[in-house]
Amino acid sequence: MTTTASTLNSRVIALAHHAARALAEGVLDRHGITFHQSVTLRAVTVAGGSVPRGELVAEIQNSLKTTETLVQAVIEELLTAGLLAREDSLLRLTGTGRDLYETTAAATAEVSARLYAGIAAEDLAVAGRVLTLITDRANTELGTD
């Protein structure tokens, strides 16, 4: 199948997102982790390894445009699996959680590298700016900016 140039629109963005996410989920599935769990582990990692539960819930809810109930359930799954731990008022990444996140992040980075290979840095920069603007506008309309 040949690819023809498309004007950027919601369908093109959605098709790219779903195709890339399907590849990422294939990697995550092999490691016994879901996409939502991976996003949550990443958020804790980026926060330095621990974060107040309320902040984590708000961040994941906003990032994934999902419900608090779903995010709370994902956090409970991670706690039960020993990938996160409660420490005072914080949720902390465990050693096992950190190892799993690092392993899956490296594997998904390899997939991303293949997907972005050969695309000019200037094109990636323009796409990044355009998609960030679209995200900002959508978040404004959703009231989540």
Protein backbone atom coordinates (compact mmCIF):
# COMPACT_ATOMS: atom_id res chain seq x y z
CA MET A 1 0.00 0.00 0.00
CA THR A 2 1.38 3.40 -0.89
CA THR A 3 1.12 6.43 1.30
CA THR A 4 -0.04 9.69 -0.18
CA ALA A 5 0.50 13.08 1.37
CA SER A 6 -2.39 14.15 3.56
CA THR A 7 -3.37 17.47 4.97
CA LEU A 8 -3.16 17.39 8.72
CA ASN A 9 -6.57 16.86 10.29
CA SER A 10 -8.10 14.97 13.19
CA ARG A 11 -8.36 11.72 11.23
CA VAL A 12 -4.69 11.78 10.21
CA ILE A 13 -3.68 12.52 13.81
CA ALA A 14 -5.91 9.73 15.13
CA LEU A 15 -4.62 7.17 12.62
CA ALA A 16 -1.01 7.98 13.50
CA HIS A 17 -1.77 7.85 17.23
CA HIS A 18 -3.60 4.53 17.08
CA ALA A 19 -1.01 2.87 14.83
CA ALA A 20 1.89 3.97 17.05
CA ARG A 21 -0.01 3.10 20.22
CA ALA A 22 -0.77 -0.39 18.91
CA LEU A 23 2.96 -0.96 18.43
CA ALA A 24 3.71 0.40 21.91
CA GLU A 25 1.00 -1.77 23.45
CA GLY A 26 2.54 -4.81 21.78
CA VAL A 27 5.79 -4.05 23.62
CA LEU A 28 3.96 -3.38 26.90
CA ASP A 29 1.89 -6.57 26.59
CA ARG A 30 5.08 -8.64 26.37
CA HIS A 31 6.09 -7.18 29.74
CA GLY A 32 2.68 -7.63 31.37
CA ILE A 33 1.84 -3.94 31.65
CA THR A 34 -0.96 -1.84 30.17
CA PHE A 35 -0.66 1.48 28.38
CA HIS A 36 -2.33 3.31 31.29
CA GLN A 37 0.04 1.66 33.77
CA SER A 38 3.02 2.66 31.66
CA VAL A 39 1.87 6.28 31.44
CA THR A 40 1.42 6.30 35.21
CA LEU A 41 4.86 4.82 35.89
CA ARG A 42 6.39 7.38 33.53
CA ALA A 43 4.71 10.24 35.38
CA VAL A 44 6.11 9.03 38.71
CA THR A 45 9.56 8.58 37.14
CA VAL A 46 9.52 12.08 35.64
CA ALA A 47 8.44 13.46 39.03
CA GLY A 48 11.65 12.10 40.51
CA GLY A 49 10.39 8.75 41.71
CA SER A 50 7.67 9.89 44.10
CA VAL A 51 4.63 12.10 43.86
CA PRO A 52 1.55 12.96 45.93
CA ARG A 53 -1.34 10.73 44.87
CA GLY A 54 -3.65 13.66 44.10
CA GLU A 55 -1.10 15.25 41.79
CA LEU A 56 -0.54 11.97 40.00
CA VAL A 57 -4.26 11.40 39.55
CA ALA A 58 -4.76 14.91 38.14
CA GLU A 59 -1.82 14.57 35.76
CA ILE A 60 -2.89 11.19 34.40
CA GLN A 61 -6.51 12.24 34.16
CA ASN A 62 -5.48 15.29 32.13
CA SER A 63 -2.94 13.43 29.98
CA LEU A 64 -5.22 10.55 29.06
CA LYS A 65 -8.52 12.47 29.19
CA THR A 66 -10.00 9.80 31.40
CA THR A 67 -11.89 9.54 34.65
CA GLU A 68 -10.54 9.77 38.17
CA THR A 69 -12.07 6.36 38.86
CA LEU A 70 -10.04 4.74 36.09
CA VAL A 71 -6.81 6.44 37.21
CA GLN A 72 -7.39 5.37 40.83
CA ALA A 73 -7.91 1.80 39.61
CA VAL A 74 -4.65 1.89 37.64
CA ILE A 75 -2.79 3.17 40.71
CA GLU A 76 -4.26 0.35 42.79
CA GLU A 77 -3.14 -2.18 40.15
CA LEU A 78 0.40 -0.78 40.31
CA LEU A 79 0.37 -0.88 44.12
CA THR A 80 -0.91 -4.47 44.15
CA ALA A 81 1.75 -5.49 41.60
CA GLY A 82 4.48 -3.94 43.75
CA LEU A 83 5.44 -1.43 41.09
CA LEU A 84 4.40 1.52 43.28
CA ALA A 85 4.44 1.80 47.06
CA ARG A 86 2.81 4.16 49.53
CA GLU A 87 5.29 6.24 51.50
CA ASP A 88 3.69 8.73 53.87
CA SER A 89 1.49 10.90 51.63
CA LEU A 90 3.42 9.97 48.48
CA LEU A 91 3.35 7.23 45.90
CA ARG A 92 6.88 5.97 45.28
CA LEU A 93 8.25 3.96 42.40
CA THR A 94 9.67 0.66 43.67
CA GLY A 95 12.87 -0.86 42.31
CA THR A 96 10.78 -3.36 40.38
CA GLY A 97 8.63 -0.55 39.00
CA ARG A 98 11.69 1.45 37.98
CA ASP A 99 13.26 -1.58 36.27
CA LEU A 100 10.04 -2.37 34.40
CA TYR A 101 9.58 1.23 33.32
CA GLU A 102 13.19 1.50 32.10
CA THR A 103 12.90 -1.78 30.19
CA THR A 104 9.63 -0.87 28.48
CA ALA A 105 10.75 2.72 27.81
CA ALA A 106 13.88 1.44 26.06
CA ALA A 107 11.86 -1.05 24.00
CA THR A 108 9.26 1.52 22.96
CA ALA A 109 12.05 4.01 22.15
CA GLU A 110 13.36 1.48 19.61
CA VAL A 111 9.92 1.35 18.00
CA SER A 112 9.73 5.15 17.94
CA ALA A 113 13.18 5.38 16.39
CA ARG A 114 12.03 3.15 13.53
CA LEU A 115 8.86 5.19 13.04
CA TYR A 116 10.68 8.54 12.95
CA ALA A 117 13.70 7.32 10.97
CA GLY A 118 14.43 9.41 7.90
CA ILE A 119 12.06 12.24 8.79
CA ALA A 120 13.90 15.56 8.63
CA ALA A 121 14.46 17.28 11.97
CA GLU A 122 12.80 20.41 10.57
CA ASP A 123 9.67 18.43 9.68
CA LEU A 124 9.56 16.88 13.14
CA ALA A 125 9.92 20.34 14.71
CA VAL A 126 7.06 21.75 12.62
CA ALA A 127 4.86 18.75 13.40
CA GLY A 128 5.67 19.11 17.09
CA ARG A 129 4.73 22.78 17.11
CA VAL A 130 1.49 22.19 15.22
CA LEU A 131 0.42 19.24 17.38
CA THR A 132 1.27 21.16 20.57
CA LEU A 133 -0.88 24.07 19.39
CA ILE A 134 -3.77 21.73 18.57
CA THR A 135 -3.43 20.06 21.98
CA ASP A 136 -3.37 23.44 23.75
CA ARG A 137 -6.49 24.58 21.89
CA ALA A 138 -8.35 21.34 22.62
CA ASN A 139 -7.36 21.52 26.29
CA THR A 140 -8.64 25.09 26.42
CA GLU A 141 -11.99 24.00 25.02
CA LEU A 142 -12.10 21.10 27.47
CA GLY A 143 -11.19 23.43 30.32
CA THR A 144 -8.13 21.34 31.20
CA ASP A 145 -5.38 23.78 30.26
